[in-house]
Amino acid sequence: MPSLFKTLIAASALVALTGAASADETFIADFEFTPDAPVDVTYANFEKTAKKACRVESRMVGGIAARVQIEKLCREHLMTDAVAATKMDALIAYHEGRTLPETKLELASRN
């Protein structure tokens, strides 16, 4: 049986980037998932939901560059909150693996 939960996100990223939103603006995104579904399928569905929920109009935020940045920050915050709300260790680990910056390893050669 699918689980349904709502994630409430404060639009503070929008405020910081555009100054157009007020600090108390929020929205609710509905995420539906089946706990026994493959993690990558659940994650892809969450990404689609976050992308849809975070869409903004370029003209409302000062252009395409601002829109791209605002939507990216929104998706990142929404995905982190939604994944954490599932309390599914495998999904949380999958998300962390996809969002943590890559560590670059430099090898010193001995000559």
PDB file of N, CA and C in Angstrom:
ATOM      1  N   MET A   1       0.847  -1.176   0.000  1.00  0.00           N
ATOM      2  CA  MET A   1       0.000   0.000   0.000  1.00  0.00           C
ATOM      3  C   MET A   1       0.893   1.241   0.000  1.00  0.00           C
ATOM      4  N   PRO A   2       0.640   2.146  -0.895  1.00  0.00           N
ATOM      5  CA  PRO A   2       1.474   3.350  -0.964  1.00  0.00           C
ATOM      6  C   PRO A   2       1.313   4.227   0.273  1.00  0.00           C
ATOM      7  N   SER A   3       2.400   4.856   0.636  1.00  0.00           N
ATOM      8  CA  SER A   3       2.374   5.817   1.731  1.00  0.00           C
ATOM      9  C   SER A   3       2.311   7.210   1.126  1.00  0.00           C
ATOM     10  N   LEU A   4       1.619   8.107   1.800  1.00  0.00           N
ATOM     11  CA  LEU A   4       1.499   9.478   1.326  1.00  0.00           C
ATOM     12  C   LEU A   4       1.897  10.391   2.465  1.00  0.00           C
ATOM     13  N   PHE A   5       2.742  11.337   2.191  1.00  0.00           N
ATOM     14  CA  PHE A   5       3.058  12.329   3.203  1.00  0.00           C
ATOM     15  C   PHE A   5       3.244  13.668   2.534  1.00  0.00           C
ATOM     16  N   LYS A   6       3.113  14.701   3.316  1.00  0.00           N
ATOM     17  CA  LYS A   6       3.256  16.056   2.812  1.00  0.00           C
ATOM     18  C   LYS A   6       4.507  16.663   3.433  1.00  0.00           C
ATOM     19  N   THR A   7       5.215  17.427   2.656  1.00  0.00           N
ATOM     20  CA  THR A   7       6.401  18.102   3.150  1.00  0.00           C
ATOM     21  C   THR A   7       6.188  19.598   3.024  1.00  0.00           C
ATOM     22  N   LEU A   8       6.363  20.283   4.126  1.00  0.00           N
ATOM     23  CA  LEU A   8       6.191  21.727   4.169  1.00  0.00           C
ATOM     24  C   LEU A   8       7.567  22.368   4.067  1.00  0.00           C
ATOM     25  N   ILE A   9       7.710  23.276   3.126  1.00  0.00           N
ATOM     26  CA  ILE A   9       8.997  23.925   2.898  1.00  0.00           C
ATOM     27  C   ILE A   9       8.836  25.431   3.023  1.00  0.00           C
ATOM     28  N   ALA A  10       9.660  26.029   3.846  1.00  0.00           N
ATOM     29  CA  ALA A  10       9.672  27.492   3.920  1.00  0.00           C
ATOM     30  C   ALA A  10      10.409  28.013   2.700  1.00  0.00           C
ATOM     31  N   ALA A  11       9.922  29.055   2.142  1.00  0.00           N
ATOM     32  CA  ALA A  11      10.509  29.580   0.913  1.00  0.00           C
ATOM     33  C   ALA A  11      11.631  30.568   1.204  1.00  0.00           C
ATOM     34  N   SER A  12      12.450  30.272   2.183  1.00  0.00           N
ATOM     35  CA  SER A  12      13.529  31.181   2.557  1.00  0.00           C
ATOM     36  C   SER A  12      14.559  31.309   1.444  1.00  0.00           C
ATOM     37  N   ALA A  13      14.762  30.265   0.655  1.00  0.00           N
ATOM     38  CA  ALA A  13      15.703  30.356  -0.461  1.00  0.00           C
ATOM     39  C   ALA A  13      15.221  31.388  -1.471  1.00  0.00           C
ATOM     40  N   LEU A  14      13.930  31.442  -1.686  1.00  0.00           N
ATOM     41  CA  LEU A  14      13.382  32.437  -2.603  1.00  0.00           C
ATOM     42  C   LEU A  14      13.605  33.840  -2.065  1.00  0.00           C
ATOM     43  N   VAL A  15      13.431  34.005  -0.774  1.00  0.00           N
ATOM     44  CA  VAL A  15      13.621  35.311  -0.146  1.00  0.00           C
ATOM     45  C   VAL A  15      15.065  35.754  -0.306  1.00  0.00           C
ATOM     46  N   ALA A  16      15.986  34.858  -0.030  1.00  0.00           N
ATOM     47  CA  ALA A  16      17.402  35.201  -0.090  1.00  0.00           C
ATOM     48  C   ALA A  16      17.841  35.576  -1.501  1.00  0.00           C
ATOM     49  N   LEU A  17      17.295  34.903  -2.484  1.00  0.00           N
ATOM     50  CA  LEU A  17      17.746  35.142  -3.848  1.00  0.00           C
ATOM     51  C   LEU A  17      17.029  36.278  -4.551  1.00  0.00           C
ATOM     52  N   THR A  18      15.764  36.485  -4.240  1.00  0.00           N
ATOM     53  CA  THR A  18      15.005  37.460  -5.012  1.00  0.00           C
ATOM     54  C   THR A  18      14.533  38.655  -4.216  1.00  0.00           C
ATOM     55  N   GLY A  19      14.346  38.486  -2.933  1.00  0.00           N
ATOM     56  CA  GLY A  19      13.788  39.552  -2.126  1.00  0.00           C
ATOM     57  C   GLY A  19      12.320  39.778  -2.424  1.00  0.00           C
ATOM     58  N   ALA A  20      11.755  38.991  -3.320  1.00  0.00           N
ATOM     59  CA  ALA A  20      10.374  39.189  -3.745  1.00  0.00           C
ATOM     60  C   ALA A  20       9.374  38.466  -2.856  1.00  0.00           C
ATOM     61  N   ALA A  21       9.804  37.423  -2.221  1.00  0.00           N
ATOM     62  CA  ALA A  21       8.888  36.643  -1.390  1.00  0.00           C
ATOM     63  C   ALA A  21       8.950  37.130   0.045  1.00  0.00           C
ATOM     64  N   SER A  22       7.899  36.944   0.763  1.00  0.00           N
ATOM     65  CA  SER A  22       7.926  37.301   2.177  1.00  0.00           C
ATOM     66  C   SER A  22       8.399  36.102   2.977  1.00  0.00           C
ATOM     67  N   ALA A  23       8.910  36.335   4.160  1.00  0.00           N
ATOM     68  CA  ALA A  23       9.525  35.281   4.955  1.00  0.00           C
ATOM     69  C   ALA A  23       8.544  34.201   5.382  1.00  0.00           C
ATOM     70  N   ASP A  24       7.261  34.474   5.375  1.00  0.00           N
ATOM     71  CA  ASP A  24       6.302  33.480   5.838  1.00  0.00           C
ATOM     72  C   ASP A  24       5.685  32.665   4.704  1.00  0.00           C
ATOM     73  N   GLU A  25       6.197  32.785   3.486  1.00  0.00           N
ATOM     74  CA  GLU A  25       5.661  32.009   2.378  1.00  0.00           C
ATOM     75  C   GLU A  25       6.085  30.552   2.505  1.00  0.00           C
ATOM     76  N   THR A  26       5.132  29.656   2.321  1.00  0.00           N
ATOM     77  CA  THR A  26       5.402  28.225   2.370  1.00  0.00           C
ATOM     78  C   THR A  26       4.587  27.534   1.292  1.00  0.00           C
ATOM     79  N   PHE A  27       4.922  26.289   1.038  1.00  0.00           N
ATOM     80  CA  PHE A  27       4.096  25.470   0.169  1.00  0.00           C
ATOM     81  C   PHE A  27       4.155  24.041   0.664  1.00  0.00           C
ATOM     82  N   ILE A  28       3.221  23.253   0.218  1.00  0.00           N
ATOM     83  CA  ILE A  28       3.159  21.850   0.612  1.00  0.00           C
ATOM     84  C   ILE A  28       3.278  21.000  -0.642  1.00  0.00           C
ATOM     85  N   ALA A  29       4.142  20.008  -0.599  1.00  0.00           N
ATOM     86  CA  ALA A  29       4.305  19.069  -1.709  1.00  0.00           C
ATOM     87  C   ALA A  29       3.907  17.681  -1.217  1.00  0.00           C
ATOM     88  N   ASP A  30       3.130  16.977  -2.004  1.00  0.00           N
ATOM     89  CA  ASP A  30       2.704  15.616  -1.663  1.00  0.00           C
ATOM     90  C   ASP A  30       3.645  14.611  -2.311  1.00  0.00           C
ATOM     91  N   PHE A  31       4.184  13.713  -1.506  1.00  0.00           N
ATOM     92  CA  PHE A  31       5.052  12.647  -1.996  1.00  0.00           C
ATOM     93  C   PHE A  31       4.372  11.318  -1.688  1.00  0.00           C
ATOM     94  N   GLU A  32       4.265  10.482  -2.693  1.00  0.00           N
ATOM     95  CA  GLU A  32       3.666   9.166  -2.511  1.00  0.00           C
ATOM     96  C   GLU A  32       4.715   8.122  -2.857  1.00  0.00           C
ATOM     97  N   PHE A  33       4.803   7.089  -2.032  1.00  0.00           N
ATOM     98  CA  PHE A  33       5.771   6.041  -2.311  1.00  0.00           C
ATOM     99  C   PHE A  33       5.304   4.728  -1.708  1.00  0.00           C
ATOM    100  N   THR A  34       5.860   3.654  -2.229  1.00  0.00           N
ATOM    101  CA  THR A  34       5.613   2.323  -1.700  1.00  0.00           C
ATOM    102  C   THR A  34       6.902   1.884  -1.017  1.00  0.00           C
ATOM    103  N   PRO A  35       6.858   1.621   0.287  1.00  0.00           N
ATOM    104  CA  PRO A  35       8.084   1.292   1.019  1.00  0.00           C
ATOM    105  C   PRO A  35       8.885   0.121   0.447  1.00  0.00           C
ATOM    106  N   ASP A  36       8.235  -0.826  -0.216  1.00  0.00           N
ATOM    107  CA  ASP A  36       8.978  -1.968  -0.750  1.00  0.00           C
ATOM    108  C   ASP A  36       9.404  -1.783  -2.209  1.00  0.00           C
ATOM    109  N   ALA A  37       9.179  -0.605  -2.772  1.00  0.00           N
ATOM    110  CA  ALA A  37       9.623  -0.312  -4.142  1.00  0.00           C
ATOM    111  C   ALA A  37      11.142  -0.133  -4.148  1.00  0.00           C
ATOM    112  N   PRO A  38      11.785  -0.374  -5.290  1.00  0.00           N
ATOM    113  CA  PRO A  38      13.232  -0.147  -5.368  1.00  0.00           C
ATOM    114  C   PRO A  38      13.575   1.308  -5.031  1.00  0.00           C
ATOM    115  N   VAL A  39      14.678   1.486  -4.336  1.00  0.00           N
ATOM    116  CA  VAL A  39      15.093   2.811  -3.881  1.00  0.00           C
ATOM    117  C   VAL A  39      15.273   3.779  -5.047  1.00  0.00           C
ATOM    118  N   ASP A  40      15.885   3.320  -6.136  1.00  0.00           N
ATOM    119  CA  ASP A  40      16.116   4.222  -7.265  1.00  0.00           C
ATOM    120  C   ASP A  40      14.812   4.671  -7.921  1.00  0.00           C
ATOM    121  N   VAL A  41      13.803   3.816  -7.913  1.00  0.00           N
ATOM    122  CA  VAL A  41      12.496   4.179  -8.470  1.00  0.00           C
ATOM    123  C   VAL A  41      11.819   5.215  -7.573  1.00  0.00           C
ATOM    124  N   THR A  42      11.850   4.967  -6.272  1.00  0.00           N
ATOM    125  CA  THR A  42      11.268   5.915  -5.318  1.00  0.00           C
ATOM    126  C   THR A  42      11.958   7.264  -5.433  1.00  0.00           C
ATOM    127  N   TYR A  43      13.273   7.253  -5.516  1.00  0.00           N
ATOM    128  CA  TYR A  43      14.038   8.497  -5.597  1.00  0.00           C
ATOM    129  C   TYR A  43      13.702   9.262  -6.874  1.00  0.00           C
ATOM    130  N   ALA A  44      13.605   8.557  -7.986  1.00  0.00           N
ATOM    131  CA  ALA A  44      13.262   9.210  -9.257  1.00  0.00           C
ATOM    132  C   ALA A  44      11.871   9.837  -9.183  1.00  0.00           C
ATOM    133  N   ASN A  45      10.935   9.150  -8.546  1.00  0.00           N
ATOM    134  CA  ASN A  45       9.589   9.717  -8.376  1.00  0.00           C
ATOM    135  C   ASN A  45       9.620  10.954  -7.490  1.00  0.00           C
ATOM    136  N   PHE A  46      10.431  10.927  -6.444  1.00  0.00           N
ATOM    137  CA  PHE A  46      10.575  12.091  -5.571  1.00  0.00           C
ATOM    138  C   PHE A  46      11.163  13.265  -6.352  1.00  0.00           C
ATOM    139  N   GLU A  47      12.157  12.986  -7.199  1.00  0.00           N
ATOM    140  CA  GLU A  47      12.762  14.055  -8.001  1.00  0.00           C
ATOM    141  C   GLU A  47      11.728  14.707  -8.917  1.00  0.00           C
ATOM    142  N   LYS A  48      10.877  13.898  -9.521  1.00  0.00           N
ATOM    143  CA  LYS A  48       9.826  14.441 -10.395  1.00  0.00           C
ATOM    144  C   LYS A  48       8.869  15.327  -9.603  1.00  0.00           C
ATOM    145  N   THR A  49       8.489  14.869  -8.416  1.00  0.00           N
ATOM    146  CA  THR A  49       7.583  15.651  -7.571  1.00  0.00           C
ATOM    147  C   THR A  49       8.232  16.964  -7.166  1.00  0.00           C
ATOM    148  N   ALA A  50       9.500  16.913  -6.758  1.00  0.00           N
ATOM    149  CA  ALA A  50      10.216  18.122  -6.339  1.00  0.00           C
ATOM    150  C   ALA A  50      10.372  19.096  -7.504  1.00  0.00           C
ATOM    151  N   LYS A  51      10.682  18.576  -8.677  1.00  0.00           N
ATOM    152  CA  LYS A  51      10.846  19.440  -9.849  1.00  0.00           C
ATOM    153  C   LYS A  51       9.544  20.168 -10.159  1.00  0.00           C
ATOM    154  N   LYS A  52       8.455  19.443 -10.097  1.00  0.00           N
ATOM    155  CA  LYS A  52       7.142  20.040 -10.377  1.00  0.00           C
ATOM    156  C   LYS A  52       6.769  21.072  -9.308  1.00  0.00           C
ATOM    157  N   ALA A  53       7.023  20.740  -8.051  1.00  0.00           N
ATOM    158  CA  ALA A  53       6.658  21.631  -6.944  1.00  0.00           C
ATOM    159  C   ALA A  53       7.482  22.913  -6.931  1.00  0.00           C
ATOM    160  N   CYS A  54       8.695  22.860  -7.451  1.00  0.00           N
ATOM    161  CA  CYS A  54       9.614  23.996  -7.357  1.00  0.00           C
ATOM    162  C   CYS A  54       9.623  24.904  -8.584  1.00  0.00           C
ATOM    163  N   ARG A  55       8.764  24.661  -9.527  1.00  0.00           N
ATOM    164  CA  ARG A  55       8.733  25.509 -10.726  1.00  0.00           C
ATOM    165  C   ARG A  55       8.311  26.931 -10.381  1.00  0.00           C
ATOM    166  N   VAL A  56       9.024  27.885 -10.967  1.00  0.00           N
ATOM    167  CA  VAL A  56       8.657  29.297 -10.833  1.00  0.00           C
ATOM    168  C   VAL A  56       8.731  29.951 -12.210  1.00  0.00           C
ATOM    169  N   GLU A  57       8.056  31.046 -12.363  1.00  0.00           N
ATOM    170  CA  GLU A  57       8.064  31.793 -13.621  1.00  0.00           C
ATOM    171  C   GLU A  57       9.277  32.720 -13.659  1.00  0.00           C
ATOM    172  N   SER A  58      10.008  32.708 -14.757  1.00  0.00           N
ATOM    173  CA  SER A  58      11.197  33.558 -14.905  1.00  0.00           C
ATOM    174  C   SER A  58      10.873  35.025 -14.677  1.00  0.00           C
ATOM    175  N   ARG A  59       9.761  35.468 -15.203  1.00  0.00           N
ATOM    176  CA  ARG A  59       9.404  36.893 -15.091  1.00  0.00           C
ATOM    177  C   ARG A  59       9.084  37.289 -13.654  1.00  0.00           C
ATOM    178  N   MET A  60       8.729  36.314 -12.821  1.00  0.00           N
ATOM    179  CA  MET A  60       8.386  36.612 -11.428  1.00  0.00           C
ATOM    180  C   MET A  60       9.626  36.733 -10.538  1.00  0.00           C
ATOM    181  N   VAL A  61      10.752  36.212 -11.005  1.00  0.00           N
ATOM    182  CA  VAL A  61      11.950  36.193 -10.165  1.00  0.00           C
ATOM    183  C   VAL A  61      13.134  36.924 -10.779  1.00  0.00           C
ATOM    184  N   GLY A  62      12.926  37.635 -11.851  1.00  0.00           N
ATOM    185  CA  GLY A  62      13.996  38.446 -12.408  1.00  0.00           C
ATOM    186  C   GLY A  62      14.801  37.807 -13.510  1.00  0.00           C
ATOM    187  N   GLY A  63      14.284  36.793 -14.156  1.00  0.00           N
ATOM    188  CA  GLY A  63      14.973  36.228 -15.307  1.00  0.00           C
ATOM    189  C   GLY A  63      15.294  34.757 -15.172  1.00  0.00           C
ATOM    190  N   ILE A  64      15.849  34.240 -16.257  1.00  0.00           N
ATOM    191  CA  ILE A  64      16.122  32.804 -16.341  1.00  0.00           C
ATOM    192  C   ILE A  64      17.201  32.366 -15.363  1.00  0.00           C
ATOM    193  N   ALA A  65      18.279  33.126 -15.241  1.00  0.00           N
ATOM    194  CA  ALA A  65      19.370  32.733 -14.340  1.00  0.00           C
ATOM    195  C   ALA A  65      18.878  32.625 -12.903  1.00  0.00           C
ATOM    196  N   ALA A  66      18.091  33.587 -12.464  1.00  0.00           N
ATOM    197  CA  ALA A  66      17.544  33.550 -11.105  1.00  0.00           C
ATOM    198  C   ALA A  66      16.594  32.373 -10.946  1.00  0.00           C
ATOM    199  N   ARG A  67      15.778  32.122 -11.959  1.00  0.00           N
ATOM    200  CA  ARG A  67      14.822  31.006 -11.899  1.00  0.00           C
ATOM    201  C   ARG A  67      15.552  29.681 -11.742  1.00  0.00           C
ATOM    202  N   VAL A  68      16.596  29.483 -12.529  1.00  0.00           N
ATOM    203  CA  VAL A  68      17.359  28.234 -12.477  1.00  0.00           C
ATOM    204  C   VAL A  68      17.948  28.022 -11.083  1.00  0.00           C
ATOM    205  N   GLN A  69      18.522  29.064 -10.522  1.00  0.00           N
ATOM    206  CA  GLN A  69      19.134  28.955  -9.199  1.00  0.00           C
ATOM    207  C   GLN A  69      18.080  28.719  -8.121  1.00  0.00           C
ATOM    208  N   ILE A  70      16.981  29.423  -8.183  1.00  0.00           N
ATOM    209  CA  ILE A  70      15.910  29.270  -7.199  1.00  0.00           C
ATOM    210  C   ILE A  70      15.324  27.867  -7.256  1.00  0.00           C
ATOM    211  N   GLU A  71      15.050  27.383  -8.459  1.00  0.00           N
ATOM    212  CA  GLU A  71      14.480  26.044  -8.600  1.00  0.00           C
ATOM    213  C   GLU A  71      15.445  24.979  -8.099  1.00  0.00           C
ATOM    214  N   LYS A  72      16.733  25.148  -8.372  1.00  0.00           N
ATOM    215  CA  LYS A  72      17.738  24.178  -7.921  1.00  0.00           C
ATOM    216  C   LYS A  72      17.786  24.120  -6.395  1.00  0.00           C
ATOM    217  N   LEU A  73      17.853  25.275  -5.749  1.00  0.00           N
ATOM    218  CA  LEU A  73      17.875  25.309  -4.282  1.00  0.00           C
ATOM    219  C   LEU A  73      16.598  24.723  -3.692  1.00  0.00           C
ATOM    220  N   CYS A  74      15.483  25.058  -4.283  1.00  0.00           N
ATOM    221  CA  CYS A  74      14.202  24.536  -3.823  1.00  0.00           C
ATOM    222  C   CYS A  74      14.187  23.009  -3.911  1.00  0.00           C
ATOM    223  N   ARG A  75      14.601  22.463  -5.059  1.00  0.00           N
ATOM    224  CA  ARG A  75      14.615  21.003  -5.235  1.00  0.00           C
ATOM    225  C   ARG A  75      15.537  20.337  -4.226  1.00  0.00           C
ATOM    226  N   GLU A  76      16.704  20.928  -3.996  1.00  0.00           N
ATOM    227  CA  GLU A  76      17.651  20.347  -3.042  1.00  0.00           C
ATOM    228  C   GLU A  76      17.052  20.282  -1.644  1.00  0.00           C
ATOM    229  N   HIS A  77      16.462  21.387  -1.202  1.00  0.00           N
ATOM    230  CA  HIS A  77      15.862  21.422   0.137  1.00  0.00           C
ATOM    231  C   HIS A  77      14.673  20.478   0.231  1.00  0.00           C
ATOM    232  N   LEU A  78      13.837  20.485  -0.777  1.00  0.00           N
ATOM    233  CA  LEU A  78      12.645  19.650  -0.773  1.00  0.00           C
ATOM    234  C   LEU A  78      13.010  18.169  -0.775  1.00  0.00           C
ATOM    235  N   MET A  79      13.978  17.784  -1.591  1.00  0.00           N
ATOM    236  CA  MET A  79      14.407  16.383  -1.632  1.00  0.00           C
ATOM    237  C   MET A  79      14.985  15.942  -0.290  1.00  0.00           C
ATOM    238  N   THR A  80      15.812  16.775   0.310  1.00  0.00           N
ATOM    239  CA  THR A  80      16.398  16.425   1.604  1.00  0.00           C
ATOM    240  C   THR A  80      15.315  16.227   2.656  1.00  0.00           C
ATOM    241  N   ASP A  81      14.357  17.135   2.705  1.00  0.00           N
ATOM    242  CA  ASP A  81      13.269  17.025   3.685  1.00  0.00           C
ATOM    243  C   ASP A  81      12.370  15.826   3.405  1.00  0.00           C
ATOM    244  N   ALA A  82      12.037  15.605   2.147  1.00  0.00           N
ATOM    245  CA  ALA A  82      11.144  14.503   1.791  1.00  0.00           C
ATOM    246  C   ALA A  82      11.786  13.151   2.075  1.00  0.00           C
ATOM    247  N   VAL A  83      13.038  13.001   1.698  1.00  0.00           N
ATOM    248  CA  VAL A  83      13.740  11.740   1.933  1.00  0.00           C
ATOM    249  C   VAL A  83      13.853  11.476   3.433  1.00  0.00           C
ATOM    250  N   ALA A  84      14.210  12.486   4.202  1.00  0.00           N
ATOM    251  CA  ALA A  84      14.323  12.320   5.655  1.00  0.00           C
ATOM    252  C   ALA A  84      12.981  11.937   6.273  1.00  0.00           C
ATOM    253  N   ALA A  85      11.898  12.492   5.754  1.00  0.00           N
ATOM    254  CA  ALA A  85      10.571  12.218   6.308  1.00  0.00           C
ATOM    255  C   ALA A  85      10.147  10.765   6.128  1.00  0.00           C
ATOM    256  N   THR A  86      10.728  10.058   5.156  1.00  0.00           N
ATOM    257  CA  THR A  86      10.369   8.650   4.953  1.00  0.00           C
ATOM    258  C   THR A  86      10.927   7.764   6.058  1.00  0.00           C
ATOM    259  N   LYS A  87      12.016   8.189   6.681  1.00  0.00           N
ATOM    260  CA  LYS A  87      12.720   7.415   7.708  1.00  0.00           C
ATOM    261  C   LYS A  87      13.189   6.058   7.175  1.00  0.00           C
ATOM    262  N   MET A  88      13.412   5.999   5.870  1.00  0.00           N
ATOM    263  CA  MET A  88      13.906   4.777   5.225  1.00  0.00           C
ATOM    264  C   MET A  88      15.423   4.893   5.075  1.00  0.00           C
ATOM    265  N   ASP A  89      16.149   4.083   5.833  1.00  0.00           N
ATOM    266  CA  ASP A  89      17.610   4.167   5.835  1.00  0.00           C
ATOM    267  C   ASP A  89      18.217   4.031   4.439  1.00  0.00           C
ATOM    268  N   ALA A  90      17.703   3.104   3.640  1.00  0.00           N
ATOM    269  CA  ALA A  90      18.259   2.886   2.302  1.00  0.00           C
ATOM    270  C   ALA A  90      18.049   4.112   1.411  1.00  0.00           C
ATOM    271  N   LEU A  91      16.889   4.739   1.501  1.00  0.00           N
ATOM    272  CA  LEU A  91      16.605   5.924   0.688  1.00  0.00           C
ATOM    273  C   LEU A  91      17.446   7.112   1.151  1.00  0.00           C
ATOM    274  N   ILE A  92      17.608   7.247   2.452  1.00  0.00           N
ATOM    275  CA  ILE A  92      18.432   8.329   3.000  1.00  0.00           C
ATOM    276  C   ILE A  92      19.885   8.166   2.545  1.00  0.00           C
ATOM    277  N   ALA A  93      20.405   6.945   2.615  1.00  0.00           N
ATOM    278  CA  ALA A  93      21.781   6.688   2.177  1.00  0.00           C
ATOM    279  C   ALA A  93      21.932   6.947   0.680  1.00  0.00           C
ATOM    280  N   TYR A  94      20.948   6.555  -0.095  1.00  0.00           N
ATOM    281  CA  TYR A  94      20.971   6.786  -1.547  1.00  0.00           C
ATOM    282  C   TYR A  94      21.015   8.284  -1.838  1.00  0.00           C
ATOM    283  N   HIS A  95      20.190   9.036  -1.134  1.00  0.00           N
ATOM    284  CA  HIS A  95      20.157  10.491  -1.320  1.00  0.00           C
ATOM    285  C   HIS A  95      21.494  11.120  -0.938  1.00  0.00           C
ATOM    286  N   GLU A  96      22.032  10.713   0.188  1.00  0.00           N
ATOM    287  CA  GLU A  96      23.318  11.261   0.624  1.00  0.00           C
ATOM    288  C   GLU A  96      24.415  10.943  -0.382  1.00  0.00           C
ATOM    289  N   GLY A  97      24.380   9.752  -0.940  1.00  0.00           N
ATOM    290  CA  GLY A  97      25.369   9.365  -1.938  1.00  0.00           C
ATOM    291  C   GLY A  97      25.276  10.189  -3.212  1.00  0.00           C
ATOM    292  N   ARG A  98      24.086  10.655  -3.519  1.00  0.00           N
ATOM    293  CA  ARG A  98      23.886  11.456  -4.732  1.00  0.00           C
ATOM    294  C   ARG A  98      24.127  12.939  -4.497  1.00  0.00           C
ATOM    295  N   THR A  99      24.073  13.396  -3.260  1.00  0.00           N
ATOM    296  CA  THR A  99      24.167  14.828  -3.008  1.00  0.00           C
ATOM    297  C   THR A  99      25.473  15.275  -2.380  1.00  0.00           C
ATOM    298  N   LEU A 100      26.209  14.378  -1.766  1.00  0.00           N
ATOM    299  CA  LEU A 100      27.478  14.775  -1.161  1.00  0.00           C
ATOM    300  C   LEU A 100      28.482  15.100  -2.259  1.00  0.00           C
ATOM    301  N   PRO A 101      29.263  16.150  -2.053  1.00  0.00           N
ATOM    302  CA  PRO A 101      30.258  16.488  -3.077  1.00  0.00           C
ATOM    303  C   PRO A 101      31.284  15.369  -3.209  1.00  0.00           C
ATOM    304  N   GLU A 102      31.723  15.175  -4.425  1.00  0.00           N
ATOM    305  CA  GLU A 102      32.733  14.149  -4.653  1.00  0.00           C
ATOM    306  C   GLU A 102      34.035  14.557  -3.993  1.00  0.00           C
ATOM    307  N   THR A 103      34.666  13.612  -3.358  1.00  0.00           N
ATOM    308  CA  THR A 103      35.966  13.861  -2.757  1.00  0.00           C
ATOM    309  C   THR A 103      37.024  13.497  -3.788  1.00  0.00           C
ATOM    310  N   LYS A 104      37.871  14.437  -4.062  1.00  0.00           N
ATOM    311  CA  LYS A 104      38.925  14.186  -5.038  1.00  0.00           C
ATOM    312  C   LYS A 104      40.177  13.748  -4.297  1.00  0.00           C
ATOM    313  N   LEU A 105      40.687  12.652  -4.737  1.00  0.00           N
ATOM    314  CA  LEU A 105      41.858  12.079  -4.106  1.00  0.00           C
ATOM    315  C   LEU A 105      43.079  12.383  -4.963  1.00  0.00           C
ATOM    316  N   GLU A 106      44.049  13.013  -4.352  1.00  0.00           N
ATOM    317  CA  GLU A 106      45.287  13.293  -5.061  1.00  0.00           C
ATOM    318  C   GLU A 106      46.345  12.317  -4.571  1.00  0.00           C
ATOM    319  N   LEU A 107      46.950  11.661  -5.489  1.00  0.00           N
ATOM    320  CA  LEU A 107      47.977  10.686  -5.142  1.00  0.00           C
ATOM    321  C   LEU A 107      49.350  11.290  -5.407  1.00  0.00           C
ATOM    322  N   ALA A 108      50.189  11.173  -4.424  1.00  0.00           N
ATOM    323  CA  ALA A 108      51.559  11.659  -4.586  1.00  0.00           C
ATOM    324  C   ALA A 108      52.410  10.505  -5.093  1.00  0.00           C
ATOM    325  N   SER A 109      53.244  10.787  -6.053  1.00  0.00           N
ATOM    326  CA  SER A 109      54.120   9.729  -6.559  1.00  0.00           C
ATOM    327  C   SER A 109      55.486   9.868  -5.902  1.00  0.00           C
ATOM    328  N   ARG A 110      56.056   8.741  -5.656  1.00  0.00           N
ATOM    329  CA  ARG A 110      57.406   8.743  -5.086  1.00  0.00           C
ATOM    330  C   ARG A 110      58.389   8.493  -6.215  1.00  0.00           C
ATOM    331  N   ASN A 111      59.201   9.450  -6.458  1.00  0.00           N
ATOM    332  CA  ASN A 111      60.207   9.307  -7.525  1.00  0.00           C
ATOM    333  C   ASN A 111      61.564   9.126  -6.950  1.00  0.00           C
TER     334      ASN A 111
END
